[in-house]
Amino acid sequence: MIISIASDHAGFEQKQLLAAYLKECGHEVVDRGPDSDDRVDYPDFAALVGNDVAQGRAERGVLVCGTGIGMALAADKIAGCRAANIINVQFAELCRQHNDANIVTLSGRFVDVEENKRILDAFLSTPFEGGRHAGRVAKIMELD
């Protein structure tokens, strides 16, 4: 799977570790930055990943900031993106099953890297259930 990943300064360390983990799992990783933990504005990096996903250059996106909240808010502004801020495995499964989320946003400050790896595993392996959820997702997409 092609995965676009980025962070801000608060998520930089985990982004590096998670990108390496995703490569070890056999995914093609497009690292959209930043290249250091110098202060940056997270919307700039959320836009890069969001556009990769919305334009089909990546199948899924991963964004890491202090909480994951700001990244989710920014990525969701891009038409075609369904970003979810996830803090545990069950939420990762549900955002895929029920919402067909295509971008996961993670907390680099409040969730440890091992839990974020488990979240990524669930996010990348859980299929969308379709059925009754498909109409709801279609309604979400009409809001773009």
C-alpha atoms as a PDB file:
ATOM      1  CA  MET A   1       0.000   0.000   0.000  1.00  0.00           C
ATOM      2  CA  ILE A   2       1.226   3.528  -0.739  1.00  0.00           C
ATOM      3  CA  ILE A   3       1.043   5.637   2.404  1.00  0.00           C
ATOM      4  CA  SER A   4       1.695   9.376   2.619  1.00  0.00           C
ATOM      5  CA  ILE A   5       2.959  10.492   6.038  1.00  0.00           C
ATOM      6  CA  ALA A   6       3.810  13.833   7.650  1.00  0.00           C
ATOM      7  CA  SER A   7       3.964  15.544  11.011  1.00  0.00           C
ATOM      8  CA  ASP A   8       4.617  18.821  12.702  1.00  0.00           C
ATOM      9  CA  HIS A   9       7.467  19.437  15.141  1.00  0.00           C
ATOM     10  CA  ALA A  10       5.591  17.776  18.029  1.00  0.00           C
ATOM     11  CA  GLY A  11       5.028  14.604  16.030  1.00  0.00           C
ATOM     12  CA  PHE A  12       8.364  14.526  14.224  1.00  0.00           C
ATOM     13  CA  GLU A  13      10.063  11.854  16.358  1.00  0.00           C
ATOM     14  CA  GLN A  14       7.124   9.446  16.120  1.00  0.00           C
ATOM     15  CA  LYS A  15       6.676  10.175  12.403  1.00  0.00           C
ATOM     16  CA  GLN A  16      10.231   9.007  11.812  1.00  0.00           C
ATOM     17  CA  LEU A  17       9.677   5.835  13.822  1.00  0.00           C
ATOM     18  CA  LEU A  18       6.272   5.116  12.263  1.00  0.00           C
ATOM     19  CA  ALA A  19       7.540   5.680   8.709  1.00  0.00           C
ATOM     20  CA  ALA A  20      10.319   3.163   9.347  1.00  0.00           C
ATOM     21  CA  TYR A  21       7.797   0.731  10.837  1.00  0.00           C
ATOM     22  CA  LEU A  22       5.502   1.033   7.822  1.00  0.00           C
ATOM     23  CA  LYS A  23       8.426   0.334   5.483  1.00  0.00           C
ATOM     24  CA  GLU A  24       9.338  -2.735   7.552  1.00  0.00           C
ATOM     25  CA  CYS A  25       5.739  -3.918   7.087  1.00  0.00           C
ATOM     26  CA  GLY A  26       6.207  -3.718   3.315  1.00  0.00           C
ATOM     27  CA  HIS A  27       4.409  -0.468   2.545  1.00  0.00           C
ATOM     28  CA  GLU A  28       5.675   2.200   0.174  1.00  0.00           C
ATOM     29  CA  VAL A  29       6.005   5.353   2.272  1.00  0.00           C
ATOM     30  CA  VAL A  30       5.954   8.888   0.906  1.00  0.00           C
ATOM     31  CA  ASP A  31       7.418  11.124   3.641  1.00  0.00           C
ATOM     32  CA  ARG A  32       6.045  14.650   3.209  1.00  0.00           C
ATOM     33  CA  GLY A  33       8.117  16.092   6.036  1.00  0.00           C
ATOM     34  CA  PRO A  34       9.222  17.909   7.931  1.00  0.00           C
ATOM     35  CA  ASP A  35      12.894  16.967   7.916  1.00  0.00           C
ATOM     36  CA  SER A  36      13.585  18.090  11.497  1.00  0.00           C
ATOM     37  CA  ASP A  37      11.806  18.938  14.729  1.00  0.00           C
ATOM     38  CA  ASP A  38      12.082  22.684  14.064  1.00  0.00           C
ATOM     39  CA  ARG A  39       8.781  24.495  14.582  1.00  0.00           C
ATOM     40  CA  VAL A  40       6.407  24.271  11.603  1.00  0.00           C
ATOM     41  CA  ASP A  41       2.717  24.890  10.967  1.00  0.00           C
ATOM     42  CA  TYR A  42       0.784  21.621  10.892  1.00  0.00           C
ATOM     43  CA  PRO A  43      -1.823  22.714   8.280  1.00  0.00           C
ATOM     44  CA  ASP A  44       0.934  22.907   5.666  1.00  0.00           C
ATOM     45  CA  PHE A  45       1.832  19.250   6.184  1.00  0.00           C
ATOM     46  CA  ALA A  46      -1.773  18.066   6.558  1.00  0.00           C
ATOM     47  CA  ALA A  47      -2.439  19.617   3.140  1.00  0.00           C
ATOM     48  CA  LEU A  48       0.428  17.702   1.531  1.00  0.00           C
ATOM     49  CA  VAL A  49      -0.815  14.342   2.799  1.00  0.00           C
ATOM     50  CA  GLY A  50      -4.460  15.218   2.207  1.00  0.00           C
ATOM     51  CA  ASN A  51      -3.773  16.127  -1.405  1.00  0.00           C
ATOM     52  CA  ASP A  52      -1.789  12.907  -1.916  1.00  0.00           C
ATOM     53  CA  VAL A  53      -4.794  10.887  -0.731  1.00  0.00           C
ATOM     54  CA  ALA A  54      -7.459  12.971  -2.473  1.00  0.00           C
ATOM     55  CA  GLN A  55      -5.598  12.897  -5.790  1.00  0.00           C
ATOM     56  CA  GLY A  56      -4.878   9.163  -5.635  1.00  0.00           C
ATOM     57  CA  ARG A  57      -1.110   9.392  -5.199  1.00  0.00           C
ATOM     58  CA  ALA A  58      -1.483   7.526  -1.890  1.00  0.00           C
ATOM     59  CA  GLU A  59      -4.052   5.008  -0.741  1.00  0.00           C
ATOM     60  CA  ARG A  60      -3.962   6.177   2.880  1.00  0.00           C
ATOM     61  CA  GLY A  61      -2.500   9.018   4.894  1.00  0.00           C
ATOM     62  CA  VAL A  62      -0.886   9.234   8.327  1.00  0.00           C
ATOM     63  CA  LEU A  63      -0.439  12.516  10.189  1.00  0.00           C
ATOM     64  CA  VAL A  64       1.218  13.013  13.590  1.00  0.00           C
ATOM     65  CA  CYS A  65       1.132  16.133  15.760  1.00  0.00           C
ATOM     66  CA  GLY A  66       0.939  16.776  19.493  1.00  0.00           C
ATOM     67  CA  THR A  67      -2.642  15.559  19.835  1.00  0.00           C
ATOM     68  CA  GLY A  68      -3.622  14.667  16.269  1.00  0.00           C
ATOM     69  CA  ILE A  69      -6.595  17.014  16.540  1.00  0.00           C
ATOM     70  CA  GLY A  70      -5.217  19.919  14.521  1.00  0.00           C
ATOM     71  CA  MET A  71      -4.046  17.615  11.763  1.00  0.00           C
ATOM     72  CA  ALA A  72      -7.519  16.035  11.521  1.00  0.00           C
ATOM     73  CA  LEU A  73      -9.210  19.431  11.328  1.00  0.00           C
ATOM     74  CA  ALA A  74      -6.851  20.574   8.572  1.00  0.00           C
ATOM     75  CA  ALA A  75      -6.929  17.372   6.496  1.00  0.00           C
ATOM     76  CA  ASP A  76     -10.722  17.193   6.620  1.00  0.00           C
ATOM     77  CA  LYS A  77     -10.890  20.541   4.787  1.00  0.00           C
ATOM     78  CA  ILE A  78      -9.566  18.844   1.647  1.00  0.00           C
ATOM     79  CA  ALA A  79     -12.289  17.431  -0.591  1.00  0.00           C
ATOM     80  CA  GLY A  80     -12.051  13.652  -0.686  1.00  0.00           C
ATOM     81  CA  CYS A  81     -10.403  13.282   2.712  1.00  0.00           C
ATOM     82  CA  ARG A  82     -11.962  11.532   5.671  1.00  0.00           C
ATOM     83  CA  ALA A  83      -9.455  12.063   8.484  1.00  0.00           C
ATOM     84  CA  ALA A  84     -10.010  10.649  11.952  1.00  0.00           C
ATOM     85  CA  ASN A  85      -8.065  11.443  15.105  1.00  0.00           C
ATOM     86  CA  ILE A  86      -7.482   8.034  16.696  1.00  0.00           C
ATOM     87  CA  ILE A  87      -6.175   7.195  20.166  1.00  0.00           C
ATOM     88  CA  ASN A  88      -6.827   3.449  20.407  1.00  0.00           C
ATOM     89  CA  VAL A  89      -7.148   0.317  18.293  1.00  0.00           C
ATOM     90  CA  GLN A  90     -10.933   0.007  18.626  1.00  0.00           C
ATOM     91  CA  PHE A  91     -11.448   3.537  17.266  1.00  0.00           C
ATOM     92  CA  ALA A  92      -9.066   2.709  14.385  1.00  0.00           C
ATOM     93  CA  GLU A  93     -11.150  -0.310  13.471  1.00  0.00           C
ATOM     94  CA  LEU A  94     -14.412   1.614  13.715  1.00  0.00           C
ATOM     95  CA  CYS A  95     -13.229   4.600  11.675  1.00  0.00           C
ATOM     96  CA  ARG A  96     -12.467   2.180   8.854  1.00  0.00           C
ATOM     97  CA  GLN A  97     -15.502  -0.107   9.241  1.00  0.00           C
ATOM     98  CA  HIS A  98     -18.105   2.636   9.603  1.00  0.00           C
ATOM     99  CA  ASN A  99     -16.571   5.790   8.097  1.00  0.00           C
ATOM    100  CA  ASP A 100     -14.144   4.503   5.457  1.00  0.00           C
ATOM    101  CA  ALA A 101     -11.538   6.897   6.886  1.00  0.00           C
ATOM    102  CA  ASN A 102      -8.593   7.337   4.524  1.00  0.00           C
ATOM    103  CA  ILE A 103      -6.340   9.398   6.822  1.00  0.00           C
ATOM    104  CA  VAL A 104      -5.464   8.634  10.419  1.00  0.00           C
ATOM    105  CA  THR A 105      -4.170  11.359  12.697  1.00  0.00           C
ATOM    106  CA  LEU A 106      -2.135  10.377  15.717  1.00  0.00           C
ATOM    107  CA  SER A 107      -0.906  11.952  18.936  1.00  0.00           C
ATOM    108  CA  GLY A 108       2.845  12.087  19.295  1.00  0.00           C
ATOM    109  CA  ARG A 109       2.630  13.447  22.849  1.00  0.00           C
ATOM    110  CA  PHE A 110      -0.151  11.495  24.535  1.00  0.00           C
ATOM    111  CA  VAL A 111      -0.020   8.090  22.816  1.00  0.00           C
ATOM    112  CA  ASP A 112       3.187   6.063  22.881  1.00  0.00           C
ATOM    113  CA  VAL A 113       4.752   4.802  19.677  1.00  0.00           C
ATOM    114  CA  GLU A 114       3.930   1.141  20.343  1.00  0.00           C
ATOM    115  CA  GLU A 115       0.229   1.932  20.682  1.00  0.00           C
ATOM    116  CA  ASN A 116       0.408   4.086  17.543  1.00  0.00           C
ATOM    117  CA  LYS A 117       1.921   1.113  15.693  1.00  0.00           C
ATOM    118  CA  ARG A 118      -1.028  -1.040  16.811  1.00  0.00           C
ATOM    119  CA  ILE A 119      -3.400   1.726  15.700  1.00  0.00           C
ATOM    120  CA  LEU A 120      -1.723   1.818  12.271  1.00  0.00           C
ATOM    121  CA  ASP A 121      -1.956  -1.961  11.945  1.00  0.00           C
ATOM    122  CA  ALA A 122      -5.695  -1.814  12.615  1.00  0.00           C
ATOM    123  CA  PHE A 123      -6.247   1.230  10.402  1.00  0.00           C
ATOM    124  CA  LEU A 124      -4.442  -0.336   7.452  1.00  0.00           C
ATOM    125  CA  SER A 125      -5.924  -3.833   7.753  1.00  0.00           C
ATOM    126  CA  THR A 126      -9.560  -3.133   8.606  1.00  0.00           C
ATOM    127  CA  PRO A 127     -11.913  -3.019   5.610  1.00  0.00           C
ATOM    128  CA  PHE A 128     -14.866  -0.693   5.143  1.00  0.00           C
ATOM    129  CA  GLU A 129     -18.083  -2.590   5.887  1.00  0.00           C
ATOM    130  CA  GLY A 130     -20.188  -0.779   3.312  1.00  0.00           C
ATOM    131  CA  GLY A 131     -23.858  -1.703   3.641  1.00  0.00           C
ATOM    132  CA  ARG A 132     -25.768   0.726   5.832  1.00  0.00           C
ATOM    133  CA  HIS A 133     -22.583   2.772   6.273  1.00  0.00           C
ATOM    134  CA  ALA A 134     -22.107   3.435   2.550  1.00  0.00           C
ATOM    135  CA  GLY A 135     -25.012   5.881   2.341  1.00  0.00           C
ATOM    136  CA  ARG A 136     -23.747   7.768   5.364  1.00  0.00           C
ATOM    137  CA  VAL A 137     -20.254   8.067   3.913  1.00  0.00           C
ATOM    138  CA  ALA A 138     -21.772   9.269   0.638  1.00  0.00           C
ATOM    139  CA  LYS A 139     -23.637  11.977   2.581  1.00  0.00           C
ATOM    140  CA  ILE A 140     -20.378  13.020   4.255  1.00  0.00           C
ATOM    141  CA  MET A 141     -18.696  13.276   0.863  1.00  0.00           C
ATOM    142  CA  GLU A 142     -21.560  15.440  -0.454  1.00  0.00           C
ATOM    143  CA  LEU A 143     -20.578  18.014   2.182  1.00  0.00           C
ATOM    144  CA  ASP A 144     -17.236  18.632   0.409  1.00  0.00           C
END
